[in-house]
Amino acid sequence: MSEEKKKTTTPTKDHWFSFDGIAKEAKRVRWPKWKSEGNTAGILQNTAEVLIFVGFFALFFVLCEFIVTFVLRFIGIGV
């Protein structure tokens, strides 16, 4: 009788790291859509926005560097 009681009172080991558990969690995740749907932006729209943003700031910093270089050469610093 003590063995039966011991088996019922011992908590079962939680196998939280298993392939079944990983697959179950992956199905629960709300993955983003490729295209925009309603008010939510899709992956393609977000990617386009990031690339435009990065391109704009890359151009901005290159132009700033050219302007600073021109001004420094104009006043005689640097050759």
PDB file of N, CA and C in Angstrom:
ATOM      1  N   MET A   1       0.815  -1.189   0.000  1.00  0.00           N
ATOM      2  CA  MET A   1       0.000   0.000   0.000  1.00  0.00           C
ATOM      3  C   MET A   1       0.859   1.254   0.000  1.00  0.00           C
ATOM      4  N   SER A   2       1.979   1.223   0.647  1.00  0.00           N
ATOM      5  CA  SER A   2       2.840   2.394   0.664  1.00  0.00           C
ATOM      6  C   SER A   2       3.408   2.676  -0.723  1.00  0.00           C
ATOM      7  N   GLU A   3       3.604   1.615  -1.526  1.00  0.00           N
ATOM      8  CA  GLU A   3       4.098   1.829  -2.891  1.00  0.00           C
ATOM      9  C   GLU A   3       3.054   2.543  -3.741  1.00  0.00           C
ATOM     10  N   GLU A   4       1.797   2.162  -3.598  1.00  0.00           N
ATOM     11  CA  GLU A   4       0.734   2.805  -4.358  1.00  0.00           C
ATOM     12  C   GLU A   4       0.595   4.266  -3.954  1.00  0.00           C
ATOM     13  N   LYS A   5       0.680   4.518  -2.664  1.00  0.00           N
ATOM     14  CA  LYS A   5       0.580   5.888  -2.174  1.00  0.00           C
ATOM     15  C   LYS A   5       1.763   6.712  -2.665  1.00  0.00           C
ATOM     16  N   LYS A   6       2.942   6.116  -2.667  1.00  0.00           N
ATOM     17  CA  LYS A   6       4.144   6.810  -3.107  1.00  0.00           C
ATOM     18  C   LYS A   6       4.033   7.174  -4.592  1.00  0.00           C
ATOM     19  N   LYS A   7       3.484   6.255  -5.381  1.00  0.00           N
ATOM     20  CA  LYS A   7       3.343   6.520  -6.815  1.00  0.00           C
ATOM     21  C   LYS A   7       2.348   7.650  -7.078  1.00  0.00           C
ATOM     22  N   THR A   8       1.277   7.722  -6.329  1.00  0.00           N
ATOM     23  CA  THR A   8       0.275   8.755  -6.576  1.00  0.00           C
ATOM     24  C   THR A   8       0.698  10.107  -6.032  1.00  0.00           C
ATOM     25  N   THR A   9       1.499  10.140  -4.972  1.00  0.00           N
ATOM     26  CA  THR A   9       1.896  11.420  -4.407  1.00  0.00           C
ATOM     27  C   THR A   9       3.111  12.006  -5.116  1.00  0.00           C
ATOM     28  N   THR A  10       3.875  11.195  -5.809  1.00  0.00           N
ATOM     29  CA  THR A  10       5.039  11.712  -6.516  1.00  0.00           C
ATOM     30  C   THR A  10       4.576  12.415  -7.785  1.00  0.00           C
ATOM     31  N   PRO A  11       4.959  13.676  -7.952  1.00  0.00           N
ATOM     32  CA  PRO A  11       4.533  14.371  -9.166  1.00  0.00           C
ATOM     33  C   PRO A  11       5.203  13.754 -10.393  1.00  0.00           C
ATOM     34  N   THR A  12       4.473  13.724 -11.480  1.00  0.00           N
ATOM     35  CA  THR A  12       5.053  13.190 -12.706  1.00  0.00           C
ATOM     36  C   THR A  12       6.041  14.195 -13.268  1.00  0.00           C
ATOM     37  N   LYS A  13       7.074  13.675 -13.872  1.00  0.00           N
ATOM     38  CA  LYS A  13       8.104  14.544 -14.425  1.00  0.00           C
ATOM     39  C   LYS A  13       7.555  15.252 -15.664  1.00  0.00           C
ATOM     40  N   ASP A  14       7.725  16.537 -15.691  1.00  0.00           N
ATOM     41  CA  ASP A  14       7.228  17.335 -16.811  1.00  0.00           C
ATOM     42  C   ASP A  14       8.262  17.313 -17.923  1.00  0.00           C
ATOM     43  N   HIS A  15       7.900  16.774 -19.062  1.00  0.00           N
ATOM     44  CA  HIS A  15       8.808  16.722 -20.211  1.00  0.00           C
ATOM     45  C   HIS A  15       8.543  17.935 -21.091  1.00  0.00           C
ATOM     46  N   TRP A  16       8.975  19.091 -20.653  1.00  0.00           N
ATOM     47  CA  TRP A  16       8.702  20.312 -21.392  1.00  0.00           C
ATOM     48  C   TRP A  16       9.616  20.454 -22.596  1.00  0.00           C
ATOM     49  N   PHE A  17      10.752  19.776 -22.588  1.00  0.00           N
ATOM     50  CA  PHE A  17      11.656  19.869 -23.728  1.00  0.00           C
ATOM     51  C   PHE A  17      11.592  18.565 -24.502  1.00  0.00           C
ATOM     52  N   SER A  18      10.624  18.486 -25.398  1.00  0.00           N
ATOM     53  CA  SER A  18      10.484  17.322 -26.256  1.00  0.00           C
ATOM     54  C   SER A  18      10.083  17.806 -27.640  1.00  0.00           C
ATOM     55  N   PHE A  19      10.269  16.951 -28.620  1.00  0.00           N
ATOM     56  CA  PHE A  19       9.918  17.344 -29.973  1.00  0.00           C
ATOM     57  C   PHE A  19       8.416  17.566 -30.112  1.00  0.00           C
ATOM     58  N   ASP A  20       7.634  16.774 -29.392  1.00  0.00           N
ATOM     59  CA  ASP A  20       6.184  16.979 -29.415  1.00  0.00           C
ATOM     60  C   ASP A  20       5.816  18.331 -28.811  1.00  0.00           C
ATOM     61  N   GLY A  21       6.483  18.690 -27.707  1.00  0.00           N
ATOM     62  CA  GLY A  21       6.219  19.977 -27.075  1.00  0.00           C
ATOM     63  C   GLY A  21       6.615  21.141 -27.965  1.00  0.00           C
ATOM     64  N   ILE A  22       7.740  20.993 -28.654  1.00  0.00           N
ATOM     65  CA  ILE A  22       8.202  22.051 -29.560  1.00  0.00           C
ATOM     66  C   ILE A  22       7.217  22.206 -30.720  1.00  0.00           C
ATOM     67  N   ALA A  23       6.770  21.092 -31.284  1.00  0.00           N
ATOM     68  CA  ALA A  23       5.809  21.149 -32.389  1.00  0.00           C
ATOM     69  C   ALA A  23       4.496  21.767 -31.921  1.00  0.00           C
ATOM     70  N   LYS A  24       4.076  21.438 -30.712  1.00  0.00           N
ATOM     71  CA  LYS A  24       2.830  21.980 -30.164  1.00  0.00           C
ATOM     72  C   LYS A  24       2.933  23.498 -29.997  1.00  0.00           C
ATOM     73  N   GLU A  25       4.060  23.975 -29.484  1.00  0.00           N
ATOM     74  CA  GLU A  25       4.259  25.420 -29.303  1.00  0.00           C
ATOM     75  C   GLU A  25       4.353  26.128 -30.648  1.00  0.00           C
ATOM     76  N   ALA A  26       5.012  25.505 -31.625  1.00  0.00           N
ATOM     77  CA  ALA A  26       5.143  26.130 -32.947  1.00  0.00           C
ATOM     78  C   ALA A  26       3.778  26.314 -33.596  1.00  0.00           C
ATOM     79  N   LYS A  27       2.843  25.412 -33.330  1.00  0.00           N
ATOM     80  CA  LYS A  27       1.498  25.543 -33.883  1.00  0.00           C
ATOM     81  C   LYS A  27       0.722  26.652 -33.186  1.00  0.00           C
ATOM     82  N   ARG A  28       1.055  26.942 -31.937  1.00  0.00           N
ATOM     83  CA  ARG A  28       0.354  27.991 -31.186  1.00  0.00           C
ATOM     84  C   ARG A  28       0.793  29.397 -31.575  1.00  0.00           C
ATOM     85  N   VAL A  29       1.988  29.519 -32.116  1.00  0.00           N
ATOM     86  CA  VAL A  29       2.542  30.831 -32.452  1.00  0.00           C
ATOM     87  C   VAL A  29       1.751  31.446 -33.588  1.00  0.00           C
ATOM     88  N   ARG A  30       1.463  32.735 -33.467  1.00  0.00           N
ATOM     89  CA  ARG A  30       0.801  33.460 -34.549  1.00  0.00           C
ATOM     90  C   ARG A  30       1.889  34.022 -35.457  1.00  0.00           C
ATOM     91  N   TRP A  31       2.187  33.293 -36.518  1.00  0.00           N
ATOM     92  CA  TRP A  31       3.239  33.698 -37.433  1.00  0.00           C
ATOM     93  C   TRP A  31       2.748  34.861 -38.284  1.00  0.00           C
ATOM     94  N   PRO A  32       3.629  35.820 -38.609  1.00  0.00           N
ATOM     95  CA  PRO A  32       3.214  36.954 -39.441  1.00  0.00           C
ATOM     96  C   PRO A  32       2.923  36.501 -40.869  1.00  0.00           C
ATOM     97  N   LYS A  33       2.042  37.231 -41.517  1.00  0.00           N
ATOM     98  CA  LYS A  33       1.662  36.926 -42.896  1.00  0.00           C
ATOM     99  C   LYS A  33       2.660  37.583 -43.844  1.00  0.00           C
ATOM    100  N   TRP A  34       2.777  37.041 -45.047  1.00  0.00           N
ATOM    101  CA  TRP A  34       3.682  37.620 -46.033  1.00  0.00           C
ATOM    102  C   TRP A  34       3.148  38.935 -46.577  1.00  0.00           C
ATOM    103  N   LYS A  35       1.852  38.996 -46.797  1.00  0.00           N
ATOM    104  CA  LYS A  35       1.256  40.208 -47.360  1.00  0.00           C
ATOM    105  C   LYS A  35       0.377  40.881 -46.316  1.00  0.00           C
ATOM    106  N   SER A  36       0.116  42.154 -46.512  1.00  0.00           N
ATOM    107  CA  SER A  36      -0.714  42.921 -45.586  1.00  0.00           C
ATOM    108  C   SER A  36      -2.148  42.420 -45.631  1.00  0.00           C
ATOM    109  N   GLU A  37      -2.744  42.351 -44.445  1.00  0.00           N
ATOM    110  CA  GLU A  37      -4.147  41.970 -44.344  1.00  0.00           C
ATOM    111  C   GLU A  37      -4.825  42.922 -43.377  1.00  0.00           C
ATOM    112  N   GLY A  38      -5.730  43.732 -43.866  1.00  0.00           N
ATOM    113  CA  GLY A  38      -6.434  44.660 -42.998  1.00  0.00           C
ATOM    114  C   GLY A  38      -5.497  45.721 -42.450  1.00  0.00           C
ATOM    115  N   ASN A  39      -5.484  45.864 -41.135  1.00  0.00           N
ATOM    116  CA  ASN A  39      -4.658  46.885 -40.483  1.00  0.00           C
ATOM    117  C   ASN A  39      -3.262  46.388 -40.141  1.00  0.00           C
ATOM    118  N   THR A  40      -3.007  45.096 -40.304  1.00  0.00           N
ATOM    119  CA  THR A  40      -1.699  44.554 -39.933  1.00  0.00           C
ATOM    120  C   THR A  40      -0.780  44.528 -41.139  1.00  0.00           C
ATOM    121  N   ALA A  41       0.444  44.975 -40.931  1.00  0.00           N
ATOM    122  CA  ALA A  41       1.424  44.975 -42.004  1.00  0.00           C
ATOM    123  C   ALA A  41       2.034  43.585 -42.132  1.00  0.00           C
ATOM    124  N   GLY A  42       2.290  43.166 -43.351  1.00  0.00           N
ATOM    125  CA  GLY A  42       2.897  41.876 -43.590  1.00  0.00           C
ATOM    126  C   GLY A  42       4.408  41.989 -43.619  1.00  0.00           C
ATOM    127  N   ILE A  43       5.051  40.842 -43.774  1.00  0.00           N
ATOM    128  CA  ILE A  43       6.514  40.796 -43.781  1.00  0.00           C
ATOM    129  C   ILE A  43       7.073  41.601 -44.949  1.00  0.00           C
ATOM    130  N   LEU A  44       6.453  41.491 -46.111  1.00  0.00           N
ATOM    131  CA  LEU A  44       6.971  42.210 -47.280  1.00  0.00           C
ATOM    132  C   LEU A  44       6.890  43.724 -47.087  1.00  0.00           C
ATOM    133  N   GLN A  45       5.801  44.208 -46.508  1.00  0.00           N
ATOM    134  CA  GLN A  45       5.667  45.646 -46.274  1.00  0.00           C
ATOM    135  C   GLN A  45       6.689  46.118 -45.239  1.00  0.00           C
ATOM    136  N   ASN A  46       6.859  45.357 -44.160  1.00  0.00           N
ATOM    137  CA  ASN A  46       7.835  45.736 -43.142  1.00  0.00           C
ATOM    138  C   ASN A  46       9.252  45.724 -43.704  1.00  0.00           C
ATOM    139  N   THR A  47       9.563  44.736 -44.527  1.00  0.00           N
ATOM    140  CA  THR A  47      10.891  44.655 -45.131  1.00  0.00           C
ATOM    141  C   THR A  47      11.133  45.843 -46.050  1.00  0.00           C
ATOM    142  N   ALA A  48      10.130  46.196 -46.841  1.00  0.00           N
ATOM    143  CA  ALA A  48      10.267  47.347 -47.743  1.00  0.00           C
ATOM    144  C   ALA A  48      10.479  48.635 -46.951  1.00  0.00           C
ATOM    145  N   GLU A  49       9.736  48.808 -45.873  1.00  0.00           N
ATOM    146  CA  GLU A  49       9.894  50.012 -45.049  1.00  0.00           C
ATOM    147  C   GLU A  49      11.296  50.098 -44.451  1.00  0.00           C
ATOM    148  N   VAL A  50      11.809  48.979 -43.973  1.00  0.00           N
ATOM    149  CA  VAL A  50      13.154  48.965 -43.380  1.00  0.00           C
ATOM    150  C   VAL A  50      14.206  49.281 -44.437  1.00  0.00           C
ATOM    151  N   LEU A  51      14.084  48.688 -45.620  1.00  0.00           N
ATOM    152  CA  LEU A  51      15.073  48.942 -46.676  1.00  0.00           C
ATOM    153  C   LEU A  51      15.048  50.394 -47.133  1.00  0.00           C
ATOM    154  N   ILE A  52      13.864  50.980 -47.250  1.00  0.00           N
ATOM    155  CA  ILE A  52      13.762  52.396 -47.622  1.00  0.00           C
ATOM    156  C   ILE A  52      14.378  53.281 -46.539  1.00  0.00           C
ATOM    157  N   PHE A  53      14.095  52.966 -45.292  1.00  0.00           N
ATOM    158  CA  PHE A  53      14.632  53.726 -44.164  1.00  0.00           C
ATOM    159  C   PHE A  53      16.161  53.655 -44.144  1.00  0.00           C
ATOM    160  N   VAL A  54      16.717  52.469 -44.298  1.00  0.00           N
ATOM    161  CA  VAL A  54      18.168  52.281 -44.285  1.00  0.00           C
ATOM    162  C   VAL A  54      18.800  52.993 -45.481  1.00  0.00           C
ATOM    163  N   GLY A  55      18.178  52.874 -46.655  1.00  0.00           N
ATOM    164  CA  GLY A  55      18.709  53.542 -47.843  1.00  0.00           C
ATOM    165  C   GLY A  55      18.712  55.058 -47.699  1.00  0.00           C
ATOM    166  N   PHE A  56      17.629  55.594 -47.132  1.00  0.00           N
ATOM    167  CA  PHE A  56      17.553  57.041 -46.930  1.00  0.00           C
ATOM    168  C   PHE A  56      18.667  57.517 -46.002  1.00  0.00           C
ATOM    169  N   PHE A  57      18.863  56.833 -44.888  1.00  0.00           N
ATOM    170  CA  PHE A  57      19.889  57.279 -43.944  1.00  0.00           C
ATOM    171  C   PHE A  57      21.297  57.021 -44.450  1.00  0.00           C
ATOM    172  N   ALA A  58      21.496  55.984 -45.252  1.00  0.00           N
ATOM    173  CA  ALA A  58      22.810  55.779 -45.861  1.00  0.00           C
ATOM    174  C   ALA A  58      23.130  56.944 -46.793  1.00  0.00           C
ATOM    175  N   LEU A  59      22.163  57.335 -47.615  1.00  0.00           N
ATOM    176  CA  LEU A  59      22.347  58.476 -48.507  1.00  0.00           C
ATOM    177  C   LEU A  59      22.568  59.761 -47.722  1.00  0.00           C
ATOM    178  N   PHE A  60      21.812  59.941 -46.640  1.00  0.00           N
ATOM    179  CA  PHE A  60      21.950  61.126 -45.803  1.00  0.00           C
ATOM    180  C   PHE A  60      23.369  61.238 -45.237  1.00  0.00           C
ATOM    181  N   PHE A  61      23.899  60.142 -44.687  1.00  0.00           N
ATOM    182  CA  PHE A  61      25.234  60.202 -44.083  1.00  0.00           C
ATOM    183  C   PHE A  61      26.334  60.354 -45.125  1.00  0.00           C
ATOM    184  N   VAL A  62      26.161  59.778 -46.302  1.00  0.00           N
ATOM    185  CA  VAL A  62      27.148  59.969 -47.376  1.00  0.00           C
ATOM    186  C   VAL A  62      27.156  61.426 -47.812  1.00  0.00           C
ATOM    187  N   LEU A  63      25.986  62.027 -47.976  1.00  0.00           N
ATOM    188  CA  LEU A  63      25.922  63.445 -48.352  1.00  0.00           C
ATOM    189  C   LEU A  63      26.526  64.335 -47.268  1.00  0.00           C
ATOM    190  N   CYS A  64      26.263  64.007 -45.999  1.00  0.00           N
ATOM    191  CA  CYS A  64      26.850  64.791 -44.906  1.00  0.00           C
ATOM    192  C   CYS A  64      28.368  64.710 -44.938  1.00  0.00           C
ATOM    193  N   GLU A  65      28.891  63.525 -45.227  1.00  0.00           N
ATOM    194  CA  GLU A  65      30.348  63.374 -45.283  1.00  0.00           C
ATOM    195  C   GLU A  65      30.939  64.175 -46.437  1.00  0.00           C
ATOM    196  N   PHE A  66      30.266  64.163 -47.611  1.00  0.00           N
ATOM    197  CA  PHE A  66      30.744  64.956 -48.740  1.00  0.00           C
ATOM    198  C   PHE A  66      30.718  66.445 -48.415  1.00  0.00           C
ATOM    199  N   ILE A  67      29.677  66.904 -47.744  1.00  0.00           N
ATOM    200  CA  ILE A  67      29.579  68.324 -47.400  1.00  0.00           C
ATOM    201  C   ILE A  67      30.676  68.713 -46.418  1.00  0.00           C
ATOM    202  N   VAL A  68      30.899  67.917 -45.394  1.00  0.00           N
ATOM    203  CA  VAL A  68      31.948  68.218 -44.414  1.00  0.00           C
ATOM    204  C   VAL A  68      33.314  68.197 -45.086  1.00  0.00           C
ATOM    205  N   THR A  69      33.564  67.225 -45.962  1.00  0.00           N
ATOM    206  CA  THR A  69      34.839  67.152 -46.678  1.00  0.00           C
ATOM    207  C   THR A  69      35.030  68.386 -47.553  1.00  0.00           C
ATOM    208  N   PHE A  70      33.982  68.811 -48.248  1.00  0.00           N
ATOM    209  CA  PHE A  70      34.071  69.996 -49.099  1.00  0.00           C
ATOM    210  C   PHE A  70      34.391  71.240 -48.271  1.00  0.00           C
ATOM    211  N   VAL A  71      33.706  71.397 -47.137  1.00  0.00           N
ATOM    212  CA  VAL A  71      33.925  72.574 -46.299  1.00  0.00           C
ATOM    213  C   VAL A  71      35.352  72.570 -45.741  1.00  0.00           C
ATOM    214  N   LEU A  72      35.819  71.427 -45.278  1.00  0.00           N
ATOM    215  CA  LEU A  72      37.179  71.362 -44.744  1.00  0.00           C
ATOM    216  C   LEU A  72      38.225  71.661 -45.811  1.00  0.00           C
ATOM    217  N   ARG A  73      38.035  71.142 -47.020  1.00  0.00           N
ATOM    218  CA  ARG A  73      38.978  71.448 -48.101  1.00  0.00           C
ATOM    219  C   ARG A  73      38.885  72.918 -48.508  1.00  0.00           C
ATOM    220  N   PHE A  74      37.695  73.483 -48.449  1.00  0.00           N
ATOM    221  CA  PHE A  74      37.504  74.876 -48.827  1.00  0.00           C
ATOM    222  C   PHE A  74      38.248  75.814 -47.884  1.00  0.00           C
ATOM    223  N   ILE A  75      38.271  75.484 -46.578  1.00  0.00           N
ATOM    224  CA  ILE A  75      38.967  76.360 -45.630  1.00  0.00           C
ATOM    225  C   ILE A  75      40.444  75.986 -45.499  1.00  0.00           C
ATOM    226  N   GLY A  76      40.895  74.955 -46.224  1.00  0.00           N
ATOM    227  CA  GLY A  76      42.317  74.656 -46.263  1.00  0.00           C
ATOM    228  C   GLY A  76      42.753  73.523 -45.357  1.00  0.00           C
ATOM    229  N   ILE A  77      41.854  72.811 -44.775  1.00  0.00           N
ATOM    230  CA  ILE A  77      42.227  71.672 -43.940  1.00  0.00           C
ATOM    231  C   ILE A  77      42.088  70.416 -44.794  1.00  0.00           C
ATOM    232  N   GLY A  78      43.133  69.634 -44.844  1.00  0.00           N
ATOM    233  CA  GLY A  78      43.118  68.433 -45.691  1.00  0.00           C
ATOM    234  C   GLY A  78      43.433  68.781 -47.117  1.00  0.00           C
ATOM    235  N   VAL A  79      44.022  67.850 -47.795  1.00  0.00           N
ATOM    236  CA  VAL A  79      44.419  68.129 -49.173  1.00  0.00           C
ATOM    237  C   VAL A  79      43.769  67.185 -50.126  1.00  0.00           C
TER     238      VAL A  79
END
